[in-house]
Amino acid sequence: MDDNPLFDGGQRAANDPGRFLYTGTKQELQELKQSVAEENLALTAGAKARRQRIIGITIFVAILALVAVYAIIQILGH
């Protein structure tokens, strides 16, 4: 409707001076709020997955280091 040059979104509806013809603004605002909320949830989920991946890599590297130290002790001990 916004692309129509004959349509004025600010025009008041007939017989109701308090009501505008274009009432989609409230709907658009709701959709925008929902979109922002969904994006925030996606960002939170992404951050959580990144933290879990970093923790997993850290644990793997720590175990690998312990195995390397054990192997060095075994080799030098004999």
PDB file of N, CA and C in Angstrom:
ATOM      1  N   MET A   1       0.818  -1.192   0.000  1.00  0.00           N
ATOM      2  CA  MET A   1       0.000   0.000   0.000  1.00  0.00           C
ATOM      3  C   MET A   1       0.861   1.255   0.000  1.00  0.00           C
ATOM      4  N   ASP A   2       2.041   1.185   0.561  1.00  0.00           N
ATOM      5  CA  ASP A   2       2.887   2.363   0.649  1.00  0.00           C
ATOM      6  C   ASP A   2       3.381   2.811  -0.713  1.00  0.00           C
ATOM      7  N   ASP A   3       3.430   1.887  -1.681  1.00  0.00           N
ATOM      8  CA  ASP A   3       3.925   2.222  -3.005  1.00  0.00           C
ATOM      9  C   ASP A   3       2.862   2.904  -3.860  1.00  0.00           C
ATOM     10  N   ASN A   4       1.633   2.872  -3.431  1.00  0.00           N
ATOM     11  CA  ASN A   4       0.538   3.455  -4.191  1.00  0.00           C
ATOM     12  C   ASN A   4       0.557   4.977  -3.998  1.00  0.00           C
ATOM     13  N   PRO A   5       0.773   5.741  -5.094  1.00  0.00           N
ATOM     14  CA  PRO A   5       0.842   7.200  -4.945  1.00  0.00           C
ATOM     15  C   PRO A   5      -0.507   7.824  -4.584  1.00  0.00           C
ATOM     16  N   LEU A   6      -1.599   7.107  -4.812  1.00  0.00           N
ATOM     17  CA  LEU A   6      -2.918   7.643  -4.494  1.00  0.00           C
ATOM     18  C   LEU A   6      -3.323   7.366  -3.053  1.00  0.00           C
ATOM     19  N   PHE A   7      -2.575   6.519  -2.373  1.00  0.00           N
ATOM     20  CA  PHE A   7      -2.936   6.161  -1.008  1.00  0.00           C
ATOM     21  C   PHE A   7      -2.141   7.009  -0.040  1.00  0.00           C
ATOM     22  N   ASP A   8      -2.828   7.648   0.866  1.00  0.00           N
ATOM     23  CA  ASP A   8      -2.173   8.452   1.894  1.00  0.00           C
ATOM     24  C   ASP A   8      -2.325   7.725   3.219  1.00  0.00           C
ATOM     25  N   GLY A   9      -1.230   7.220   3.748  1.00  0.00           N
ATOM     26  CA  GLY A   9      -1.283   6.458   4.989  1.00  0.00           C
ATOM     27  C   GLY A   9      -1.746   7.274   6.177  1.00  0.00           C
ATOM     28  N   GLY A  10      -1.587   8.576   6.104  1.00  0.00           N
ATOM     29  CA  GLY A  10      -2.007   9.429   7.201  1.00  0.00           C
ATOM     30  C   GLY A  10      -3.440   9.912   7.077  1.00  0.00           C
ATOM     31  N   GLN A  11      -4.138   9.517   6.031  1.00  0.00           N
ATOM     32  CA  GLN A  11      -5.517   9.955   5.814  1.00  0.00           C
ATOM     33  C   GLN A  11      -6.439   9.297   6.842  1.00  0.00           C
ATOM     34  N   ARG A  12      -7.325  10.089   7.389  1.00  0.00           N
ATOM     35  CA  ARG A  12      -8.252   9.546   8.386  1.00  0.00           C
ATOM     36  C   ARG A  12      -9.415   8.825   7.698  1.00  0.00           C
ATOM     37  N   ALA A  13      -9.901   7.774   8.354  1.00  0.00           N
ATOM     38  CA  ALA A  13     -11.029   7.010   7.812  1.00  0.00           C
ATOM     39  C   ALA A  13     -12.304   7.840   7.894  1.00  0.00           C
ATOM     40  N   ALA A  14     -13.184   7.602   6.955  1.00  0.00           N
ATOM     41  CA  ALA A  14     -14.456   8.321   6.945  1.00  0.00           C
ATOM     42  C   ALA A  14     -15.277   7.953   8.170  1.00  0.00           C
ATOM     43  N   ASN A  15     -15.977   8.923   8.720  1.00  0.00           N
ATOM     44  CA  ASN A  15     -16.876   8.756   9.869  1.00  0.00           C
ATOM     45  C   ASN A  15     -16.140   8.370  11.155  1.00  0.00           C
ATOM     46  N   ASP A  16     -14.844   8.398  11.157  1.00  0.00           N
ATOM     47  CA  ASP A  16     -14.097   8.089  12.381  1.00  0.00           C
ATOM     48  C   ASP A  16     -12.819   8.926  12.385  1.00  0.00           C
ATOM     49  N   PRO A  17     -12.920  10.161  12.867  1.00  0.00           N
ATOM     50  CA  PRO A  17     -11.770  11.059  12.787  1.00  0.00           C
ATOM     51  C   PRO A  17     -10.569  10.598  13.629  1.00  0.00           C
ATOM     52  N   GLY A  18     -10.777   9.708  14.571  1.00  0.00           N
ATOM     53  CA  GLY A  18      -9.682   9.260  15.426  1.00  0.00           C
ATOM     54  C   GLY A  18      -8.940   8.057  14.886  1.00  0.00           C
ATOM     55  N   ARG A  19      -9.396   7.521  13.772  1.00  0.00           N
ATOM     56  CA  ARG A  19      -8.809   6.283  13.255  1.00  0.00           C
ATOM     57  C   ARG A  19      -8.195   6.518  11.877  1.00  0.00           C
ATOM     58  N   PHE A  20      -6.952   6.091  11.707  1.00  0.00           N
ATOM     59  CA  PHE A  20      -6.280   6.245  10.421  1.00  0.00           C
ATOM     60  C   PHE A  20      -6.570   5.036   9.547  1.00  0.00           C
ATOM     61  N   LEU A  21      -6.512   5.256   8.226  1.00  0.00           N
ATOM     62  CA  LEU A  21      -6.747   4.163   7.289  1.00  0.00           C
ATOM     63  C   LEU A  21      -5.655   3.106   7.382  1.00  0.00           C
ATOM     64  N   TYR A  22      -4.428   3.545   7.537  1.00  0.00           N
ATOM     65  CA  TYR A  22      -3.306   2.609   7.558  1.00  0.00           C
ATOM     66  C   TYR A  22      -3.070   2.148   8.991  1.00  0.00           C
ATOM     67  N   THR A  23      -3.567   0.961   9.308  1.00  0.00           N
ATOM     68  CA  THR A  23      -3.438   0.444  10.670  1.00  0.00           C
ATOM     69  C   THR A  23      -2.358  -0.623  10.765  1.00  0.00           C
ATOM     70  N   GLY A  24      -1.601  -0.808   9.708  1.00  0.00           N
ATOM     71  CA  GLY A  24      -0.570  -1.842   9.688  1.00  0.00           C
ATOM     72  C   GLY A  24       0.641  -1.508  10.538  1.00  0.00           C
ATOM     73  N   THR A  25       0.774  -0.287  10.997  1.00  0.00           N
ATOM     74  CA  THR A  25       1.936   0.118  11.779  1.00  0.00           C
ATOM     75  C   THR A  25       2.060  -0.709  13.053  1.00  0.00           C
ATOM     76  N   LYS A  26       0.951  -0.934  13.738  1.00  0.00           N
ATOM     77  CA  LYS A  26       0.982  -1.713  14.975  1.00  0.00           C
ATOM     78  C   LYS A  26       1.418  -3.148  14.683  1.00  0.00           C
ATOM     79  N   GLN A  27       0.898  -3.714  13.590  1.00  0.00           N
ATOM     80  CA  GLN A  27       1.263  -5.068  13.181  1.00  0.00           C
ATOM     81  C   GLN A  27       2.747  -5.128  12.840  1.00  0.00           C
ATOM     82  N   GLU A  28       3.232  -4.130  12.113  1.00  0.00           N
ATOM     83  CA  GLU A  28       4.645  -4.096  11.742  1.00  0.00           C
ATOM     84  C   GLU A  28       5.531  -3.981  12.977  1.00  0.00           C
ATOM     85  N   LEU A  29       5.098  -3.201  13.944  1.00  0.00           N
ATOM     86  CA  LEU A  29       5.863  -3.049  15.185  1.00  0.00           C
ATOM     87  C   LEU A  29       5.935  -4.383  15.926  1.00  0.00           C
ATOM     88  N   GLN A  30       4.832  -5.100  15.984  1.00  0.00           N
ATOM     89  CA  GLN A  30       4.814  -6.412  16.624  1.00  0.00           C
ATOM     90  C   GLN A  30       5.755  -7.379  15.903  1.00  0.00           C
ATOM     91  N   GLU A  31       5.708  -7.367  14.563  1.00  0.00           N
ATOM     92  CA  GLU A  31       6.580  -8.243  13.781  1.00  0.00           C
ATOM     93  C   GLU A  31       8.043  -7.887  13.998  1.00  0.00           C
ATOM     94  N   LEU A  32       8.331  -6.593  14.101  1.00  0.00           N
ATOM     95  CA  LEU A  32       9.705  -6.149  14.343  1.00  0.00           C
ATOM     96  C   LEU A  32      10.178  -6.602  15.721  1.00  0.00           C
ATOM     97  N   LYS A  33       9.321  -6.460  16.725  1.00  0.00           N
ATOM     98  CA  LYS A  33       9.683  -6.914  18.080  1.00  0.00           C
ATOM     99  C   LYS A  33       9.927  -8.418  18.106  1.00  0.00           C
ATOM    100  N   GLN A  34       9.086  -9.162  17.412  1.00  0.00           N
ATOM    101  CA  GLN A  34       9.244 -10.614  17.357  1.00  0.00           C
ATOM    102  C   GLN A  34      10.543 -10.981  16.632  1.00  0.00           C
ATOM    103  N   SER A  35      10.831 -10.276  15.565  1.00  0.00           N
ATOM    104  CA  SER A  35      12.059 -10.527  14.805  1.00  0.00           C
ATOM    105  C   SER A  35      13.294 -10.249  15.658  1.00  0.00           C
ATOM    106  N   VAL A  36      13.272  -9.156  16.406  1.00  0.00           N
ATOM    107  CA  VAL A  36      14.399  -8.812  17.284  1.00  0.00           C
ATOM    108  C   VAL A  36      14.551  -9.858  18.379  1.00  0.00           C
ATOM    109  N   ALA A  37      13.438 -10.314  18.943  1.00  0.00           N
ATOM    110  CA  ALA A  37      13.494 -11.335  19.989  1.00  0.00           C
ATOM    111  C   ALA A  37      14.072 -12.639  19.442  1.00  0.00           C
ATOM    112  N   GLU A  38      13.654 -13.028  18.243  1.00  0.00           N
ATOM    113  CA  GLU A  38      14.181 -14.254  17.628  1.00  0.00           C
ATOM    114  C   GLU A  38      15.671 -14.117  17.335  1.00  0.00           C
ATOM    115  N   GLU A  39      16.082 -12.931  16.896  1.00  0.00           N
ATOM    116  CA  GLU A  39      17.498 -12.702  16.616  1.00  0.00           C
ATOM    117  C   GLU A  39      18.317 -12.768  17.906  1.00  0.00           C
ATOM    118  N   ASN A  40      17.783 -12.213  18.981  1.00  0.00           N
ATOM    119  CA  ASN A  40      18.477 -12.277  20.273  1.00  0.00           C
ATOM    120  C   ASN A  40      18.614 -13.720  20.747  1.00  0.00           C
ATOM    121  N   LEU A  41      17.566 -14.519  20.552  1.00  0.00           N
ATOM    122  CA  LEU A  41      17.640 -15.933  20.925  1.00  0.00           C
ATOM    123  C   LEU A  41      18.704 -16.663  20.101  1.00  0.00           C
ATOM    124  N   ALA A  42      18.771 -16.356  18.813  1.00  0.00           N
ATOM    125  CA  ALA A  42      19.770 -16.979  17.950  1.00  0.00           C
ATOM    126  C   ALA A  42      21.181 -16.586  18.375  1.00  0.00           C
ATOM    127  N   LEU A  43      21.363 -15.316  18.719  1.00  0.00           N
ATOM    128  CA  LEU A  43      22.683 -14.866  19.177  1.00  0.00           C
ATOM    129  C   LEU A  43      23.075 -15.541  20.480  1.00  0.00           C
ATOM    130  N   THR A  44      22.118 -15.689  21.385  1.00  0.00           N
ATOM    131  CA  THR A  44      22.389 -16.351  22.661  1.00  0.00           C
ATOM    132  C   THR A  44      22.751 -17.810  22.444  1.00  0.00           C
ATOM    133  N   ALA A  45      22.011 -18.479  21.571  1.00  0.00           N
ATOM    134  CA  ALA A  45      22.300 -19.884  21.277  1.00  0.00           C
ATOM    135  C   ALA A  45      23.676 -20.026  20.626  1.00  0.00           C
ATOM    136  N   GLY A  46      24.023 -19.107  19.741  1.00  0.00           N
ATOM    137  CA  GLY A  46      25.335 -19.131  19.099  1.00  0.00           C
ATOM    138  C   GLY A  46      26.452 -18.930  20.100  1.00  0.00           C
ATOM    139  N   ALA A  47      26.260 -18.000  21.029  1.00  0.00           N
ATOM    140  CA  ALA A  47      27.275 -17.746  22.056  1.00  0.00           C
ATOM    141  C   ALA A  47      27.437 -18.962  22.966  1.00  0.00           C
ATOM    142  N   LYS A  48      26.324 -19.606  23.302  1.00  0.00           N
ATOM    143  CA  LYS A  48      26.389 -20.797  24.157  1.00  0.00           C
ATOM    144  C   LYS A  48      27.139 -21.924  23.443  1.00  0.00           C
ATOM    145  N   ALA A  49      26.853 -22.118  22.163  1.00  0.00           N
ATOM    146  CA  ALA A  49      27.531 -23.162  21.388  1.00  0.00           C
ATOM    147  C   ALA A  49      29.024 -22.867  21.284  1.00  0.00           C
ATOM    148  N   ARG A  50      29.370 -21.605  21.111  1.00  0.00           N
ATOM    149  CA  ARG A  50      30.781 -21.216  21.021  1.00  0.00           C
ATOM    150  C   ARG A  50      31.493 -21.492  22.345  1.00  0.00           C
ATOM    151  N   ARG A  51      30.849 -21.149  23.462  1.00  0.00           N
ATOM    152  CA  ARG A  51      31.432 -21.431  24.791  1.00  0.00           C
ATOM    153  C   ARG A  51      31.642 -22.926  24.981  1.00  0.00           C
ATOM    154  N   GLN A  52      30.638 -23.719  24.616  1.00  0.00           N
ATOM    155  CA  GLN A  52      30.757 -25.169  24.768  1.00  0.00           C
ATOM    156  C   GLN A  52      31.882 -25.726  23.906  1.00  0.00           C
ATOM    157  N   ARG A  53      32.038 -25.206  22.713  1.00  0.00           N
ATOM    158  CA  ARG A  53      33.110 -25.660  21.827  1.00  0.00           C
ATOM    159  C   ARG A  53      34.472 -25.305  22.409  1.00  0.00           C
ATOM    160  N   ILE A  54      34.609 -24.092  22.954  1.00  0.00           N
ATOM    161  CA  ILE A  54      35.868 -23.671  23.565  1.00  0.00           C
ATOM    162  C   ILE A  54      36.189 -24.532  24.778  1.00  0.00           C
ATOM    163  N   ILE A  55      35.184 -24.817  25.607  1.00  0.00           N
ATOM    164  CA  ILE A  55      35.399 -25.673  26.783  1.00  0.00           C
ATOM    165  C   ILE A  55      35.814 -27.067  26.347  1.00  0.00           C
ATOM    166  N   GLY A  56      35.178 -27.609  25.326  1.00  0.00           N
ATOM    167  CA  GLY A  56      35.524 -28.934  24.816  1.00  0.00           C
ATOM    168  C   GLY A  56      36.949 -28.996  24.298  1.00  0.00           C
ATOM    169  N   ILE A  57      37.348 -27.981  23.548  1.00  0.00           N
ATOM    170  CA  ILE A  57      38.719 -27.939  23.017  1.00  0.00           C
ATOM    171  C   ILE A  57      39.718 -27.813  24.158  1.00  0.00           C
ATOM    172  N   THR A  58      39.402 -26.999  25.153  1.00  0.00           N
ATOM    173  CA  THR A  58      40.296 -26.818  26.296  1.00  0.00           C
ATOM    174  C   THR A  58      40.479 -28.126  27.061  1.00  0.00           C
ATOM    175  N   ILE A  59      39.389 -28.842  27.290  1.00  0.00           N
ATOM    176  CA  ILE A  59      39.483 -30.128  27.995  1.00  0.00           C
ATOM    177  C   ILE A  59      40.304 -31.118  27.179  1.00  0.00           C
ATOM    178  N   PHE A  60      40.089 -31.157  25.864  1.00  0.00           N
ATOM    179  CA  PHE A  60      40.848 -32.061  25.003  1.00  0.00           C
ATOM    180  C   PHE A  60      42.345 -31.747  25.052  1.00  0.00           C
ATOM    181  N   VAL A  61      42.696 -30.472  24.958  1.00  0.00           N
ATOM    182  CA  VAL A  61      44.109 -30.074  24.994  1.00  0.00           C
ATOM    183  C   VAL A  61      44.718 -30.400  26.353  1.00  0.00           C
ATOM    184  N   ALA A  62      43.978 -30.201  27.444  1.00  0.00           N
ATOM    185  CA  ALA A  62      44.491 -30.512  28.781  1.00  0.00           C
ATOM    186  C   ALA A  62      44.756 -32.017  28.914  1.00  0.00           C
ATOM    187  N   ILE A  63      43.824 -32.845  28.441  1.00  0.00           N
ATOM    188  CA  ILE A  63      44.026 -34.298  28.501  1.00  0.00           C
ATOM    189  C   ILE A  63      45.218 -34.702  27.644  1.00  0.00           C
ATOM    190  N   LEU A  64      45.339 -34.113  26.477  1.00  0.00           N
ATOM    191  CA  LEU A  64      46.472 -34.393  25.595  1.00  0.00           C
ATOM    192  C   LEU A  64      47.795 -34.004  26.268  1.00  0.00           C
ATOM    193  N   ALA A  65      47.821 -32.879  26.952  1.00  0.00           N
ATOM    194  CA  ALA A  65      49.029 -32.446  27.664  1.00  0.00           C
ATOM    195  C   ALA A  65      49.366 -33.421  28.796  1.00  0.00           C
ATOM    196  N   LEU A  66      48.353 -33.882  29.529  1.00  0.00           N
ATOM    197  CA  LEU A  66      48.605 -34.850  30.604  1.00  0.00           C
ATOM    198  C   LEU A  66      49.162 -36.154  30.056  1.00  0.00           C
ATOM    199  N   VAL A  67      48.640 -36.619  28.933  1.00  0.00           N
ATOM    200  CA  VAL A  67      49.147 -37.848  28.309  1.00  0.00           C
ATOM    201  C   VAL A  67      50.590 -37.636  27.859  1.00  0.00           C
ATOM    202  N   ALA A  68      50.894 -36.459  27.311  1.00  0.00           N
ATOM    203  CA  ALA A  68      52.263 -36.164  26.869  1.00  0.00           C
ATOM    204  C   ALA A  68      53.211 -36.144  28.057  1.00  0.00           C
ATOM    205  N   VAL A  69      52.802 -35.517  29.152  1.00  0.00           N
ATOM    206  CA  VAL A  69      53.647 -35.480  30.360  1.00  0.00           C
ATOM    207  C   VAL A  69      53.850 -36.890  30.897  1.00  0.00           C
ATOM    208  N   TYR A  70      52.822 -37.688  30.943  1.00  0.00           N
ATOM    209  CA  TYR A  70      52.937 -39.076  31.417  1.00  0.00           C
ATOM    210  C   TYR A  70      53.905 -39.866  30.532  1.00  0.00           C
ATOM    211  N   ALA A  71      53.782 -39.679  29.208  1.00  0.00           N
ATOM    212  CA  ALA A  71      54.666 -40.382  28.281  1.00  0.00           C
ATOM    213  C   ALA A  71      56.114 -39.951  28.479  1.00  0.00           C
ATOM    214  N   ILE A  72      56.340 -38.675  28.678  1.00  0.00           N
ATOM    215  CA  ILE A  72      57.706 -38.187  28.909  1.00  0.00           C
ATOM    216  C   ILE A  72      58.268 -38.751  30.191  1.00  0.00           C
ATOM    217  N   ILE A  73      57.460 -38.797  31.246  1.00  0.00           N
ATOM    218  CA  ILE A  73      57.918 -39.355  32.537  1.00  0.00           C
ATOM    219  C   ILE A  73      58.252 -40.846  32.360  1.00  0.00           C
ATOM    220  N   GLN A  74      57.426 -41.563  31.612  1.00  0.00           N
ATOM    221  CA  GLN A  74      57.682 -42.984  31.404  1.00  0.00           C
ATOM    222  C   GLN A  74      58.953 -43.219  30.602  1.00  0.00           C
ATOM    223  N   ILE A  75      59.178 -42.388  29.601  1.00  0.00           N
ATOM    224  CA  ILE A  75      60.381 -42.545  28.773  1.00  0.00           C
ATOM    225  C   ILE A  75      61.638 -42.179  29.560  1.00  0.00           C
ATOM    226  N   LEU A  76      61.583 -41.082  30.290  1.00  0.00           N
ATOM    227  CA  LEU A  76      62.761 -40.661  31.057  1.00  0.00           C
ATOM    228  C   LEU A  76      62.997 -41.534  32.284  1.00  0.00           C
ATOM    229  N   GLY A  77      61.959 -42.178  32.788  1.00  0.00           N
ATOM    230  CA  GLY A  77      62.071 -43.029  33.975  1.00  0.00           C
ATOM    231  C   GLY A  77      62.774 -44.334  33.705  1.00  0.00           C
ATOM    232  N   HIS A  78      62.750 -44.788  32.513  1.00  0.00           N
ATOM    233  CA  HIS A  78      63.394 -46.069  32.199  1.00  0.00           C
ATOM    234  C   HIS A  78      64.747 -45.828  31.730  1.00  0.00           C
TER     235      HIS A  78
END
